[in-house]
Protein backbone atom coordinates (compact mmCIF):
# COMPACT_ATOMS: atom_id res chain seq x y z
CA MET A 1 -5.16 22.60 5.83
CA GLY A 2 -3.02 25.01 7.83
CA GLU A 3 0.16 23.20 6.79
CA ILE A 4 -0.65 23.49 3.10
CA VAL A 5 -1.61 27.17 3.22
CA LEU A 6 1.39 28.16 5.33
CA ARG A 7 3.80 26.24 3.13
CA GLN A 8 2.43 27.86 -0.01
CA LEU A 9 2.70 31.33 1.53
CA ALA A 10 6.28 30.62 2.57
CA GLU A 11 7.12 29.47 -0.95
CA GLN A 12 5.56 32.59 -2.47
CA GLY A 13 7.58 34.79 -0.09
CA ASP A 14 10.86 32.93 -0.81
CA ALA A 15 10.99 31.96 2.85
CA ILE A 16 10.49 28.21 2.57
CA GLU A 17 14.22 27.51 3.04
CA PHE A 18 14.08 29.20 6.45
CA VAL A 19 11.07 27.38 7.90
CA ASP A 20 10.03 23.79 8.53
CA VAL A 21 6.28 23.43 8.00
CA ASP A 22 4.50 20.41 9.46
CA SER A 23 1.18 19.51 11.06
CA ALA A 24 -0.14 16.99 13.56
CA GLY A 25 -3.45 15.69 14.82
CA THR A 26 -4.72 15.33 18.38
CA GLY A 27 -4.84 11.53 18.21
CA ASP A 28 -3.57 8.60 16.16
CA TRP A 29 -6.93 7.54 14.71
CA HIS A 30 -6.27 9.50 11.47
CA ILE A 31 -2.85 8.05 10.64
CA GLY A 32 -2.75 6.70 7.10
CA GLU A 33 -5.97 8.47 6.07
CA ARG A 34 -6.14 11.19 3.46
CA ALA A 35 -7.55 14.58 4.33
CA ASP A 36 -11.32 14.98 4.61
CA ARG A 37 -12.96 15.59 1.23
CA ARG A 38 -14.38 18.91 2.45
CA THR A 39 -10.89 20.07 3.42
CA LEU A 40 -9.54 19.12 0.00
CA ALA A 41 -12.44 20.89 -1.71
CA ALA A 42 -11.86 24.06 0.32
CA LEU A 43 -8.14 24.02 -0.46
CA ALA A 44 -8.78 23.52 -4.18
CA ALA A 45 -11.33 26.36 -4.20
CA GLY A 46 -8.71 28.64 -2.62
CA GLY A 47 -6.02 27.64 -5.08
CA HIS A 48 -4.16 25.50 -2.53
CA ASN A 49 -4.48 22.12 -4.22
CA ASN A 50 -1.01 20.89 -3.13
CA THR A 51 -0.74 18.55 -6.09
CA LEU A 52 2.50 17.33 -7.65
CA VAL A 53 2.10 16.03 -11.20
CA LEU A 54 5.00 13.97 -12.51
CA GLY A 55 6.24 15.08 -15.90
CA ALA A 56 8.94 12.41 -16.03
CA GLY A 57 9.88 9.22 -14.27
CA LEU A 58 11.03 9.47 -10.67
CA ASP A 59 13.79 7.38 -9.07
CA LEU A 60 13.95 7.76 -5.27
CA ASN A 61 16.87 6.27 -3.37
CA GLY A 62 15.10 6.52 -0.03
CA ASP A 63 11.63 6.92 1.49
CA LEU A 64 8.54 8.61 0.06
CA THR A 65 6.15 10.35 2.47
CA LEU A 66 2.92 12.04 1.35
CA ASN A 67 1.70 14.58 3.90
CA ALA A 68 -1.74 15.93 2.92
CA ALA A 69 -0.66 16.10 -0.72
CA LEU A 70 -1.66 14.44 -3.98
CA LEU A 71 1.05 12.77 -6.03
CA ASP A 72 -0.27 12.44 -9.59
CA ALA A 73 1.56 10.07 -11.94
CA GLY A 74 0.55 12.29 -14.85
CA ALA A 75 -1.34 11.68 -18.06
CA GLY A 76 1.47 9.50 -19.38
CA GLY A 77 1.60 7.38 -16.24
CA GLN A 78 5.18 8.15 -15.29
CA ALA A 79 7.15 5.37 -13.62
CA LEU A 80 8.26 5.65 -10.02
CA ASN A 81 11.13 3.61 -8.56
CA LEU A 82 11.51 3.49 -4.78
CA SER A 83 14.24 1.91 -2.67
CA GLY A 84 12.75 2.85 0.72
CA ASP A 85 9.36 2.96 2.42
CA TRP A 86 6.06 4.45 1.19
CA THR A 87 4.14 6.40 3.84
CA SER A 88 0.90 8.31 3.45
CA HIS A 89 -0.05 10.69 6.27
CA GLY A 90 -3.23 12.12 4.76
CA GLY A 91 -1.76 12.18 1.25
CA ALA A 92 -2.98 10.35 -1.84
CA PHE A 93 -1.62 8.83 -5.03
CA ALA A 94 -3.27 9.08 -8.46
CA ALA A 95 -1.74 6.05 -10.18
CA ARG A 96 -3.29 6.50 -13.64
CA ALA A 97 -1.44 3.97 -15.86
CA SER A 98 1.85 4.17 -14.01
CA THR A 99 4.24 1.51 -12.76
CA VAL A 100 5.62 1.73 -9.24
CA ARG A 101 8.70 -0.40 -8.57
CA PHE A 102 9.97 -1.29 -5.11
CA ASP A 103 13.61 -2.14 -5.79
CA GLY A 104 15.44 -1.73 -2.48
CA ALA A 105 16.41 -5.43 -2.14
CA GLN A 106 15.30 -5.34 1.51
CA VAL A 107 12.19 -5.10 3.66
CA GLN A 108 10.15 -2.16 2.33
CA THR A 109 6.95 -1.05 4.04
CA ILE A 110 3.76 0.66 2.90
CA ALA A 111 1.93 2.62 5.61
CA GLY A 112 -1.44 4.01 4.58
CA ASP A 113 -4.00 2.78 2.05
CA VAL A 114 -2.93 3.09 -1.59
CA ALA A 115 -4.17 1.81 -4.95
CA PHE A 116 -1.43 1.27 -7.52
CA TYR A 117 -1.88 0.46 -11.19
CA ASP A 118 1.09 -1.68 -12.23
CA LEU A 119 3.21 -2.74 -9.27
CA ALA A 120 6.63 -4.41 -9.35
CA VAL A 121 8.32 -6.03 -6.37
CA GLY A 122 12.02 -6.51 -7.01
CA VAL A 123 14.47 -9.27 -6.21
CA GLY A 124 15.21 -9.48 -2.50
CA VAL A 125 12.28 -7.21 -1.56
CA SER A 126 9.75 -8.11 1.12
CA LEU A 127 6.98 -5.57 0.52
CA THR A 128 5.24 -5.41 3.90
CA THR A 129 2.01 -3.66 4.86
CA ALA A 130 -0.85 -3.66 7.34
CA SER A 131 -2.86 -1.25 5.16
CA GLU A 132 -5.27 -1.75 2.27
CA VAL A 133 -3.00 -1.99 -0.79
CA SER A 134 -3.97 -3.13 -4.28
CA ALA A 135 -2.68 -3.24 -7.85
CA GLY A 136 -5.37 -2.53 -10.43
CA GLY A 137 -3.13 -3.52 -13.34
CA ALA A 138 -0.32 -6.07 -13.29
CA LEU A 139 1.61 -7.28 -10.26
CA THR A 140 5.14 -8.39 -11.10
CA ASN A 141 6.50 -10.07 -8.00
CA VAL A 142 9.99 -11.55 -7.90
CA GLY A 143 10.29 -10.94 -4.17
CA TRP A 144 7.64 -11.31 -1.48
CA THR A 145 4.48 -9.42 -0.62
CA VAL A 146 3.63 -9.64 3.08
CA GLU A 147 0.23 -8.40 4.33
CA SER A 148 -0.99 -8.46 7.92
CA LYS A 149 -4.48 -7.90 9.29
CA ALA A 150 -5.90 -7.82 12.79
CA ILE A 151 -8.79 -10.23 13.33
CA GLY A 152 -11.50 -9.00 15.67
CA GLY A 153 -14.22 -11.52 14.90
CA ALA A 154 -15.93 -13.42 12.10
CA GLY A 155 -16.12 -12.13 8.53
CA GLU A 156 -14.17 -11.86 5.29
CA ARG A 157 -10.75 -10.26 5.00
CA ALA A 158 -9.33 -9.55 1.55
CA PHE A 159 -5.59 -9.43 1.05
CA GLY A 160 -5.22 -7.26 -2.03
CA LEU A 161 -1.65 -8.04 -3.05
CA ALA A 162 -1.88 -11.73 -2.21
CA GLY A 163 -5.11 -12.02 -4.20
CA VAL A 164 -6.73 -14.19 -1.54
CA THR A 165 -9.72 -13.85 0.75
CA VAL A 166 -9.99 -15.41 4.19
CA ASP A 167 -13.50 -15.90 5.57
CA VAL A 168 -13.30 -16.36 9.33
CA VAL A 169 -16.28 -18.47 10.38
CA THR A 170 -15.41 -19.28 13.98
CA PRO A 171 -12.73 -16.90 15.28
CA GLY A 172 -11.74 -18.75 18.44
CA SER A 173 -8.68 -16.90 19.75
CA LEU A 174 -7.51 -15.85 16.27
CA SER A 175 -6.22 -12.27 16.59
CA ALA A 176 -4.15 -11.74 13.43
CA LEU A 177 -3.27 -13.18 10.02
CA VAL A 178 -0.18 -12.63 7.92
CA VAL A 179 -0.34 -13.67 4.25
CA ALA A 180 2.87 -13.72 2.23
CA ARG A 181 2.92 -14.30 -1.54
CA ARG A 182 5.77 -15.44 -3.75
CA ASP A 183 5.37 -15.72 -7.52
CA GLN A 184 7.19 -18.94 -8.33
CA ASP A 185 6.41 -22.62 -7.98
CA HIS A 186 6.68 -23.94 -4.45
CA PRO A 187 9.79 -26.12 -4.08
CA GLN A 188 7.56 -29.08 -3.17
CA ALA A 189 4.82 -28.47 -5.75
CA HIS A 190 3.89 -31.34 -8.07
CA PRO A 191 4.21 -30.38 -11.77
CA THR A 192 0.49 -31.06 -12.34
CA THR A 193 -0.59 -28.68 -9.56
CA ALA A 194 2.10 -25.99 -9.80
CA THR A 195 0.53 -22.55 -10.26
CA GLY A 196 3.59 -20.31 -10.55
CA ARG A 197 2.90 -18.83 -7.13
CA TYR A 198 2.42 -19.88 -3.55
CA TRP A 199 1.37 -18.37 -0.24
CA ARG A 200 2.56 -18.62 3.33
CA ILE A 201 -0.19 -17.97 5.89
CA THR A 202 0.73 -17.35 9.51
CA PRO A 203 -2.11 -17.11 12.07
CA THR A 204 -1.91 -15.84 15.62
CA GLY A 205 -4.30 -17.80 17.83
CA SER A 206 -6.07 -21.16 17.77
CA GLY A 207 -9.48 -22.82 17.80
CA TYR A 208 -10.67 -21.07 14.64
CA THR A 209 -12.37 -22.17 11.42
CA ALA A 210 -11.88 -20.24 8.18
CA GLY A 211 -12.35 -20.62 4.45
CA LEU A 212 -9.54 -19.63 2.10
CA THR A 213 -10.29 -18.51 -1.47
CA LEU A 214 -7.35 -18.60 -3.89
CA PRO A 215 -7.24 -17.13 -7.42
CA HIS A 216 -6.98 -20.44 -9.30
CA ALA A 217 -8.81 -23.76 -9.70
CA LEU A 218 -8.11 -24.91 -6.13
CA SER A 219 -10.57 -22.30 -4.95
CA LEU A 220 -11.58 -23.34 -1.45
CA LEU A 221 -9.51 -24.83 1.32
CA HIS A 222 -9.81 -24.86 5.09
CA ILE A 223 -7.13 -23.81 7.53
């Protein structure tokens, strides 16, 4: 809250070019989370809504970091192209009907939970995250999506970009799962079972039992 108010005052006084405004917490438990709803409500009531609404498409040749701000794709759902990493430190993204393209032809990371609408992963991109990331519209993937989750016991874990759910029944020493998705036929797929996509699942640990739900007719396997 203090960061937003101070920055706005500096901008109003034409002093923003002389100061570097930032904020920090007292621990790391809040990293990747947006500001508390009561904080956002208080800021909005005071006219400090710290919202950027896109009026045109945005092409960023670098990283995007949202610090306690709202990036709104606008009523027209403006497109956003990004060649670097996406980081949310208390910020948020209003996707509307926009398309976000990761086109850096390299490993690109997403830190912090985010819900996209249409999402495109470009050639040569490995879009990597340990956060909760989803695409509510279309996912166009000509690279890789790579999602990792810590496993602390039994229960279901949904991998939003991969479109799969892993239900850990007996955890054993399983401590983590990495699910990578590629949208093309596997090189060894039989023509009658090719689905146009395949997954690579990498567990850390042993002695576990889990059910794997995939988004096509082969709905339940065991790993």
